[in-house]
Amino acid sequence: VVSTQLCIYAVGAERVRHEGQEFAQQLYMQLPWHQ
C-alpha cells in the first residue's frame, strides 16, 4: 500500500504530462503545414 500510494501520485502526474506532450507532437505532425 505504501509503495503504491507514492506511485499513484508520481506516475499519475507523469502520465498527464506525457499525454499533453503526445497531443503537441501529433499537432505538429498531423497538420499539413506546407499546404
ModelCIF file with pLDDT and N, C-alpha, C, O atoms, coordinates in Angstrom:
data_MODEL
#
_entry.id   MODEL 
#
_entity.id                         1 
_entity.type                       polymer 
_entity.pdbx_number_of_molecules   1 
#
_entity_poly.entity_id                      1 
_entity_poly.type                           'polypeptide(L)' 
_entity_poly.nstd_linkage                   no 
_entity_poly.nstd_monomer                   no 
_entity_poly.pdbx_seq_one_letter_code       VVSTQLCIYAVGAERVRHEGQEFAQQLYMQLPWHQ 
_entity_poly.pdbx_seq_one_letter_code_can   VVSTQLCIYAVGAERVRHEGQEFAQQLYMQLPWHQ 
_entity_poly.pdbx_strand_id                 A 
#
loop_
_entity_poly_seq.entity_id 
_entity_poly_seq.num 
_entity_poly_seq.mon_id 
_entity_poly_seq.hetero 
1 1  VAL n 
1 2  VAL n 
1 3  SER n 
1 4  THR n 
1 5  GLN n 
1 6  LEU n 
1 7  CYS n 
1 8  ILE n 
1 9  TYR n 
1 10 ALA n 
1 11 VAL n 
1 12 GLY n 
1 13 ALA n 
1 14 GLU n 
1 15 ARG n 
1 16 VAL n 
1 17 ARG n 
1 18 HIS n 
1 19 GLU n 
1 20 GLY n 
1 21 GLN n 
1 22 GLU n 
1 23 PHE n 
1 24 ALA n 
1 25 GLN n 
1 26 GLN n 
1 27 LEU n 
1 28 TYR n 
1 29 MET n 
1 30 GLN n 
1 31 LEU n 
1 32 PRO n 
1 33 TRP n 
1 34 HIS n 
1 35 GLN n 
#
_struct_asym.id          A 
_struct_asym.entity_id   1 
#
loop_
_ma_qa_metric.id 
_ma_qa_metric.mode 
_ma_qa_metric.name 
_ma_qa_metric.software_group_id 
_ma_qa_metric.type 
1 global pLDDT . pLDDT 
2 local  pLDDT . pLDDT 
#
_ma_qa_metric_global.metric_id      1 
_ma_qa_metric_global.metric_value   84.63 
_ma_qa_metric_global.model_id       1 
_ma_qa_metric_global.ordinal_id     1 
#
loop_
_ma_qa_metric_local.label_asym_id 
_ma_qa_metric_local.label_comp_id 
_ma_qa_metric_local.label_seq_id 
_ma_qa_metric_local.metric_id 
_ma_qa_metric_local.metric_value 
_ma_qa_metric_local.model_id 
_ma_qa_metric_local.ordinal_id 
A VAL 1  2 89.00 1 1  
A VAL 2  2 86.00 1 2  
A SER 3  2 85.00 1 3  
A THR 4  2 88.00 1 4  
A GLN 5  2 87.00 1 5  
A LEU 6  2 84.00 1 6  
A CYS 7  2 87.00 1 7  
A ILE 8  2 90.00 1 8  
A TYR 9  2 89.00 1 9  
A ALA 10 2 88.00 1 10 
A VAL 11 2 89.00 1 11 
A GLY 12 2 90.00 1 12 
A ALA 13 2 89.00 1 13 
A GLU 14 2 90.00 1 14 
A ARG 15 2 91.00 1 15 
A VAL 16 2 90.00 1 16 
A ARG 17 2 90.00 1 17 
A HIS 18 2 90.00 1 18 
A GLU 19 2 90.00 1 19 
A GLY 20 2 87.00 1 20 
A GLN 21 2 87.00 1 21 
A GLU 22 2 88.00 1 22 
A PHE 23 2 85.00 1 23 
A ALA 24 2 83.00 1 24 
A GLN 25 2 85.00 1 25 
A GLN 26 2 84.00 1 26 
A LEU 27 2 80.00 1 27 
A TYR 28 2 80.00 1 28 
A MET 29 2 81.00 1 29 
A GLN 30 2 77.00 1 30 
A LEU 31 2 75.00 1 31 
A PRO 32 2 73.00 1 32 
A TRP 33 2 73.00 1 33 
A HIS 34 2 71.00 1 34 
A GLN 35 2 71.00 1 35 
#
loop_
_atom_site.group_PDB 
_atom_site.id 
_atom_site.type_symbol 
_atom_site.label_atom_id 
_atom_site.label_alt_id 
_atom_site.label_comp_id 
_atom_site.label_asym_id 
_atom_site.label_entity_id 
_atom_site.label_seq_id 
_atom_site.pdbx_PDB_ins_code 
_atom_site.Cartn_x 
_atom_site.Cartn_y 
_atom_site.Cartn_z 
_atom_site.occupancy 
_atom_site.B_iso_or_equiv 
_atom_site.pdbx_formal_charge 
_atom_site.auth_seq_id 
_atom_site.auth_comp_id 
_atom_site.auth_asym_id 
_atom_site.auth_atom_id 
_atom_site.pdbx_PDB_model_num 
ATOM 1   N N  . VAL A 1 1  ? 0.836  -1.207 0.000   1.00 89.00 ? 1  VAL A N  1 
ATOM 2   C CA . VAL A 1 1  ? 0.000  0.000  0.000   1.00 89.00 ? 1  VAL A CA 1 
ATOM 3   C C  . VAL A 1 1  ? 0.864  1.249  0.000   1.00 89.00 ? 1  VAL A C  1 
ATOM 4   O O  . VAL A 1 1  ? 0.606  2.179  -0.764  1.00 89.00 ? 1  VAL A O  1 
ATOM 5   N N  . VAL A 1 2  ? 1.893  1.284  0.851   1.00 86.00 ? 2  VAL A N  1 
ATOM 6   C CA . VAL A 1 2  ? 2.750  2.467  0.947   1.00 86.00 ? 2  VAL A CA 1 
ATOM 7   C C  . VAL A 1 2  ? 3.479  2.709  -0.370  1.00 86.00 ? 2  VAL A C  1 
ATOM 8   O O  . VAL A 1 2  ? 3.578  3.849  -0.823  1.00 86.00 ? 2  VAL A O  1 
ATOM 9   N N  . SER A 1 3  ? 3.992  1.641  -0.988  1.00 85.00 ? 3  SER A N  1 
ATOM 10  C CA . SER A 1 3  ? 4.695  1.797  -2.265  1.00 85.00 ? 3  SER A CA 1 
ATOM 11  C C  . SER A 1 3  ? 3.748  2.266  -3.364  1.00 85.00 ? 3  SER A C  1 
ATOM 12  O O  . SER A 1 3  ? 4.110  3.112  -4.182  1.00 85.00 ? 3  SER A O  1 
ATOM 13  N N  . THR A 1 4  ? 2.533  1.715  -3.381  1.00 88.00 ? 4  THR A N  1 
ATOM 14  C CA . THR A 1 4  ? 1.574  2.086  -4.422  1.00 88.00 ? 4  THR A CA 1 
ATOM 15  C C  . THR A 1 4  ? 1.068  3.502  -4.231  1.00 88.00 ? 4  THR A C  1 
ATOM 16  O O  . THR A 1 4  ? 0.792  4.196  -5.210  1.00 88.00 ? 4  THR A O  1 
ATOM 17  N N  . GLN A 1 5  ? 0.940  3.947  -2.977  1.00 87.00 ? 5  GLN A N  1 
ATOM 18  C CA . GLN A 1 5  ? 0.495  5.315  -2.701  1.00 87.00 ? 5  GLN A CA 1 
ATOM 19  C C  . GLN A 1 5  ? 1.339  6.329  -3.448  1.00 87.00 ? 5  GLN A C  1 
ATOM 20  O O  . GLN A 1 5  ? 0.818  7.198  -4.147  1.00 87.00 ? 5  GLN A O  1 
ATOM 21  N N  . LEU A 1 6  ? 2.636  6.210  -3.295  1.00 84.00 ? 6  LEU A N  1 
ATOM 22  C CA . LEU A 1 6  ? 3.543  7.168  -3.927  1.00 84.00 ? 6  LEU A CA 1 
ATOM 23  C C  . LEU A 1 6  ? 3.505  7.056  -5.445  1.00 84.00 ? 6  LEU A C  1 
ATOM 24  O O  . LEU A 1 6  ? 3.557  8.066  -6.147  1.00 84.00 ? 6  LEU A O  1 
ATOM 25  N N  . CYS A 1 7  ? 3.415  5.831  -5.953  1.00 87.00 ? 7  CYS A N  1 
ATOM 26  C CA . CYS A 1 7  ? 3.392  5.632  -7.404  1.00 87.00 ? 7  CYS A CA 1 
ATOM 27  C C  . CYS A 1 7  ? 2.143  6.243  -8.033  1.00 87.00 ? 7  CYS A C  1 
ATOM 28  O O  . CYS A 1 7  ? 2.202  6.751  -9.153  1.00 87.00 ? 7  CYS A O  1 
ATOM 29  N N  . ILE A 1 8  ? 1.022  6.201  -7.330  1.00 90.00 ? 8  ILE A N  1 
ATOM 30  C CA . ILE A 1 8  ? -0.215 6.767  -7.875  1.00 90.00 ? 8  ILE A CA 1 
ATOM 31  C C  . ILE A 1 8  ? -0.035 8.246  -8.183  1.00 90.00 ? 8  ILE A C  1 
ATOM 32  O O  . ILE A 1 8  ? -0.429 8.713  -9.253  1.00 90.00 ? 8  ILE A O  1 
ATOM 33  N N  . TYR A 1 9  ? 0.556  8.984  -7.252  1.00 89.00 ? 9  TYR A N  1 
ATOM 34  C CA . TYR A 1 9  ? 0.697  10.436 -7.427  1.00 89.00 ? 9  TYR A CA 1 
ATOM 35  C C  . TYR A 1 9  ? 1.809  10.775 -8.415  1.00 89.00 ? 9  TYR A C  1 
ATOM 36  O O  . TYR A 1 9  ? 1.632  11.638 -9.275  1.00 89.00 ? 9  TYR A O  1 
ATOM 37  N N  . ALA A 1 10 ? 2.960  10.099 -8.298  1.00 88.00 ? 10 ALA A N  1 
ATOM 38  C CA . ALA A 1 10 ? 4.091  10.431 -9.165  1.00 88.00 ? 10 ALA A CA 1 
ATOM 39  C C  . ALA A 1 10 ? 3.853  9.959  -10.597 1.00 88.00 ? 10 ALA A C  1 
ATOM 40  O O  . ALA A 1 10 ? 4.013  10.732 -11.542 1.00 88.00 ? 10 ALA A O  1 
ATOM 41  N N  . VAL A 1 11 ? 3.474  8.699  -10.756 1.00 89.00 ? 11 VAL A N  1 
ATOM 42  C CA . VAL A 1 11 ? 3.254  8.154  -12.101 1.00 89.00 ? 11 VAL A CA 1 
ATOM 43  C C  . VAL A 1 11 ? 2.018  8.786  -12.749 1.00 89.00 ? 11 VAL A C  1 
ATOM 44  O O  . VAL A 1 11 ? 1.990  9.001  -13.960 1.00 89.00 ? 11 VAL A O  1 
ATOM 45  N N  . GLY A 1 12 ? 0.993  9.082  -11.933 1.00 90.00 ? 12 GLY A N  1 
ATOM 46  C CA . GLY A 1 12 ? -0.198 9.740  -12.475 1.00 90.00 ? 12 GLY A CA 1 
ATOM 47  C C  . GLY A 1 12 ? 0.119  11.111 -13.049 1.00 90.00 ? 12 GLY A C  1 
ATOM 48  O O  . GLY A 1 12 ? -0.348 11.451 -14.136 1.00 90.00 ? 12 GLY A O  1 
ATOM 49  N N  . ALA A 1 13 ? 0.910  11.900 -12.330 1.00 89.00 ? 13 ALA A N  1 
ATOM 50  C CA . ALA A 1 13 ? 1.299  13.221 -12.840 1.00 89.00 ? 13 ALA A CA 1 
ATOM 51  C C  . ALA A 1 13 ? 2.144  13.094 -14.098 1.00 89.00 ? 13 ALA A C  1 
ATOM 52  O O  . ALA A 1 13 ? 2.018  13.893 -15.026 1.00 89.00 ? 13 ALA A O  1 
ATOM 53  N N  . GLU A 1 14 ? 3.016  12.072 -14.121 1.00 90.00 ? 14 GLU A N  1 
ATOM 54  C CA . GLU A 1 14 ? 3.849  11.846 -15.303 1.00 90.00 ? 14 GLU A CA 1 
ATOM 55  C C  . GLU A 1 14 ? 2.979  11.456 -16.506 1.00 90.00 ? 14 GLU A C  1 
ATOM 56  O O  . GLU A 1 14 ? 3.291  11.819 -17.641 1.00 90.00 ? 14 GLU A O  1 
ATOM 57  N N  . ARG A 1 15 ? 1.913  10.734 -16.263 1.00 91.00 ? 15 ARG A N  1 
ATOM 58  C CA . ARG A 1 15 ? 1.021  10.324 -17.357 1.00 91.00 ? 15 ARG A CA 1 
ATOM 59  C C  . ARG A 1 15 ? 0.307  11.530 -17.963 1.00 91.00 ? 15 ARG A C  1 
ATOM 60  O O  . ARG A 1 15 ? 0.183  11.629 -19.183 1.00 91.00 ? 15 ARG A O  1 
ATOM 61  N N  . VAL A 1 16 ? -0.163 12.447 -17.114 1.00 90.00 ? 16 VAL A N  1 
ATOM 62  C CA . VAL A 1 16 ? -0.820 13.650 -17.632 1.00 90.00 ? 16 VAL A CA 1 
ATOM 63  C C  . VAL A 1 16 ? 0.163  14.471 -18.462 1.00 90.00 ? 16 VAL A C  1 
ATOM 64  O O  . VAL A 1 16 ? -0.190 14.974 -19.529 1.00 90.00 ? 16 VAL A O  1 
ATOM 65  N N  . ARG A 1 17 ? 1.391  14.607 -17.977 1.00 90.00 ? 17 ARG A N  1 
ATOM 66  C CA . ARG A 1 17 ? 2.410  15.345 -18.725 1.00 90.00 ? 17 ARG A CA 1 
ATOM 67  C C  . ARG A 1 17 ? 2.690  14.681 -20.072 1.00 90.00 ? 17 ARG A C  1 
ATOM 68  O O  . ARG A 1 17 ? 2.825  15.358 -21.092 1.00 90.00 ? 17 ARG A O  1 
ATOM 69  N N  . HIS A 1 18 ? 2.774  13.357 -20.066 1.00 90.00 ? 18 HIS A N  1 
ATOM 70  C CA . HIS A 1 18 ? 3.062  12.628 -21.309 1.00 90.00 ? 18 HIS A CA 1 
ATOM 71  C C  . HIS A 1 18 ? 1.927  12.793 -22.319 1.00 90.00 ? 18 HIS A C  1 
ATOM 72  O O  . HIS A 1 18 ? 2.190  12.965 -23.509 1.00 90.00 ? 18 HIS A O  1 
ATOM 73  N N  . GLU A 1 19 ? 0.674  12.745 -21.870 1.00 90.00 ? 19 GLU A N  1 
ATOM 74  C CA . GLU A 1 19 ? -0.453 12.894 -22.795 1.00 90.00 ? 19 GLU A CA 1 
ATOM 75  C C  . GLU A 1 19 ? -0.474 14.290 -23.400 1.00 90.00 ? 19 GLU A C  1 
ATOM 76  O O  . GLU A 1 19 ? -0.819 14.451 -24.570 1.00 90.00 ? 19 GLU A O  1 
ATOM 77  N N  . GLY A 1 20 ? -0.103 15.317 -22.605 1.00 87.00 ? 20 GLY A N  1 
ATOM 78  C CA . GLY A 1 20 ? -0.014 16.665 -23.153 1.00 87.00 ? 20 GLY A CA 1 
ATOM 79  C C  . GLY A 1 20 ? 1.064  16.779 -24.211 1.00 87.00 ? 20 GLY A C  1 
ATOM 80  O O  . GLY A 1 20 ? 0.865  17.436 -25.233 1.00 87.00 ? 20 GLY A O  1 
ATOM 81  N N  . GLN A 1 21 ? 2.209  16.144 -23.977 1.00 87.00 ? 21 GLN A N  1 
ATOM 82  C CA . GLN A 1 21 ? 3.281  16.145 -24.968 1.00 87.00 ? 21 GLN A CA 1 
ATOM 83  C C  . GLN A 1 21 ? 2.879  15.382 -26.228 1.00 87.00 ? 21 GLN A C  1 
ATOM 84  O O  . GLN A 1 21 ? 3.225  15.781 -27.340 1.00 87.00 ? 21 GLN A O  1 
ATOM 85  N N  . GLU A 1 22 ? 2.148  14.288 -26.048 1.00 88.00 ? 22 GLU A N  1 
ATOM 86  C CA . GLU A 1 22 ? 1.718  13.492 -27.198 1.00 88.00 ? 22 GLU A CA 1 
ATOM 87  C C  . GLU A 1 22 ? 0.772  14.299 -28.081 1.00 88.00 ? 22 GLU A C  1 
ATOM 88  O O  . GLU A 1 22 ? 0.858  14.217 -29.306 1.00 88.00 ? 22 GLU A O  1 
ATOM 89  N N  . PHE A 1 23 ? -0.126 15.075 -27.484 1.00 85.00 ? 23 PHE A N  1 
ATOM 90  C CA . PHE A 1 23 ? -1.027 15.911 -28.277 1.00 85.00 ? 23 PHE A CA 1 
ATOM 91  C C  . PHE A 1 23 ? -0.234 16.966 -29.046 1.00 85.00 ? 23 PHE A C  1 
ATOM 92  O O  . PHE A 1 23 ? -0.512 17.219 -30.218 1.00 85.00 ? 23 PHE A O  1 
ATOM 93  N N  . ALA A 1 24 ? 0.756  17.584 -28.389 1.00 83.00 ? 24 ALA A N  1 
ATOM 94  C CA . ALA A 1 24 ? 1.566  18.600 -29.068 1.00 83.00 ? 24 ALA A CA 1 
ATOM 95  C C  . ALA A 1 24 ? 2.340  17.988 -30.236 1.00 83.00 ? 24 ALA A C  1 
ATOM 96  O O  . ALA A 1 24 ? 2.454  18.604 -31.295 1.00 83.00 ? 24 ALA A O  1 
ATOM 97  N N  . GLN A 1 25 ? 2.870  16.786 -30.047 1.00 85.00 ? 25 GLN A N  1 
ATOM 98  C CA . GLN A 1 25 ? 3.608  16.124 -31.116 1.00 85.00 ? 25 GLN A CA 1 
ATOM 99  C C  . GLN A 1 25 ? 2.694  15.785 -32.289 1.00 85.00 ? 25 GLN A C  1 
ATOM 100 O O  . GLN A 1 25 ? 3.060  15.992 -33.446 1.00 85.00 ? 25 GLN A O  1 
ATOM 101 N N  . GLN A 1 26 ? 1.505  15.264 -31.991 1.00 84.00 ? 26 GLN A N  1 
ATOM 102 C CA . GLN A 1 26 ? 0.559  14.942 -33.059 1.00 84.00 ? 26 GLN A CA 1 
ATOM 103 C C  . GLN A 1 26 ? 0.083  16.202 -33.777 1.00 84.00 ? 26 GLN A C  1 
ATOM 104 O O  . GLN A 1 26 ? -0.159 16.182 -34.984 1.00 84.00 ? 26 GLN A O  1 
ATOM 105 N N  . LEU A 1 27 ? -0.049 17.299 -33.028 1.00 80.00 ? 27 LEU A N  1 
ATOM 106 C CA . LEU A 1 27 ? -0.464 18.559 -33.636 1.00 80.00 ? 27 LEU A CA 1 
ATOM 107 C C  . LEU A 1 27 ? 0.560  19.019 -34.671 1.00 80.00 ? 27 LEU A C  1 
ATOM 108 O O  . LEU A 1 27 ? 0.192  19.518 -35.734 1.00 80.00 ? 27 LEU A O  1 
ATOM 109 N N  . TYR A 1 28 ? 1.822  18.852 -34.362 1.00 80.00 ? 28 TYR A N  1 
ATOM 110 C CA . TYR A 1 28 ? 2.869  19.265 -35.302 1.00 80.00 ? 28 TYR A CA 1 
ATOM 111 C C  . TYR A 1 28 ? 2.971  18.312 -36.489 1.00 80.00 ? 28 TYR A C  1 
ATOM 112 O O  . TYR A 1 28 ? 3.221  18.742 -37.615 1.00 80.00 ? 28 TYR A O  1 
ATOM 113 N N  . MET A 1 29 ? 2.776  17.006 -36.233 1.00 81.00 ? 29 MET A N  1 
ATOM 114 C CA . MET A 1 29 ? 2.989  16.014 -37.288 1.00 81.00 ? 29 MET A CA 1 
ATOM 115 C C  . MET A 1 29 ? 1.778  15.844 -38.199 1.00 81.00 ? 29 MET A C  1 
ATOM 116 O O  . MET A 1 29 ? 1.948  15.570 -39.387 1.00 81.00 ? 29 MET A O  1 
ATOM 117 N N  . GLN A 1 30 ? 0.565  15.999 -37.680 1.00 77.00 ? 30 GLN A N  1 
ATOM 118 C CA . GLN A 1 30 ? -0.633 15.687 -38.457 1.00 77.00 ? 30 GLN A CA 1 
ATOM 119 C C  . GLN A 1 30 ? -1.064 16.827 -39.369 1.00 77.00 ? 30 GLN A C  1 
ATOM 120 O O  . GLN A 1 30 ? -1.593 16.573 -40.451 1.00 77.00 ? 30 GLN A O  1 
ATOM 121 N N  . LEU A 1 31 ? -0.855 18.065 -38.968 1.00 75.00 ? 31 LEU A N  1 
ATOM 122 C CA . LEU A 1 31 ? -1.330 19.179 -39.785 1.00 75.00 ? 31 LEU A CA 1 
ATOM 123 C C  . LEU A 1 31 ? -0.451 19.361 -41.022 1.00 75.00 ? 31 LEU A C  1 
ATOM 124 O O  . LEU A 1 31 ? 0.774  19.272 -40.934 1.00 75.00 ? 31 LEU A O  1 
ATOM 125 N N  . PRO A 1 32 ? -1.067 19.613 -42.159 1.00 73.00 ? 32 PRO A N  1 
ATOM 126 C CA . PRO A 1 32 ? -0.283 19.838 -43.393 1.00 73.00 ? 32 PRO A CA 1 
ATOM 127 C C  . PRO A 1 32 ? 0.238  21.272 -43.446 1.00 73.00 ? 32 PRO A C  1 
ATOM 128 O O  . PRO A 1 32 ? -0.299 22.105 -44.177 1.00 73.00 ? 32 PRO A O  1 
ATOM 129 N N  . TRP A 1 33 ? 1.272  21.554 -42.679 1.00 73.00 ? 33 TRP A N  1 
ATOM 130 C CA . TRP A 1 33 ? 1.755  22.927 -42.560 1.00 73.00 ? 33 TRP A CA 1 
ATOM 131 C C  . TRP A 1 33 ? 2.211  23.498 -43.906 1.00 73.00 ? 33 TRP A C  1 
ATOM 132 O O  . TRP A 1 33 ? 2.040  24.690 -44.165 1.00 73.00 ? 33 TRP A O  1 
ATOM 133 N N  . HIS A 1 34 ? 2.788  22.653 -44.761 1.00 71.00 ? 34 HIS A N  1 
ATOM 134 C CA . HIS A 1 34 ? 3.321  23.147 -46.029 1.00 71.00 ? 34 HIS A CA 1 
ATOM 135 C C  . HIS A 1 34 ? 2.209  23.569 -46.989 1.00 71.00 ? 34 HIS A C  1 
ATOM 136 O O  . HIS A 1 34 ? 2.469  24.283 -47.958 1.00 71.00 ? 34 HIS A O  1 
ATOM 137 N N  . GLN A 1 35 ? 0.963  23.131 -46.729 1.00 71.00 ? 35 GLN A N  1 
ATOM 138 C CA . GLN A 1 35 ? -0.145 23.487 -47.602 1.00 71.00 ? 35 GLN A CA 1 
ATOM 139 C C  . GLN A 1 35 ? -0.945 24.675 -47.077 1.00 71.00 ? 35 GLN A C  1 
ATOM 140 O O  . GLN A 1 35 ? -1.915 25.093 -47.709 1.00 71.00 ? 35 GLN A O  1 
#
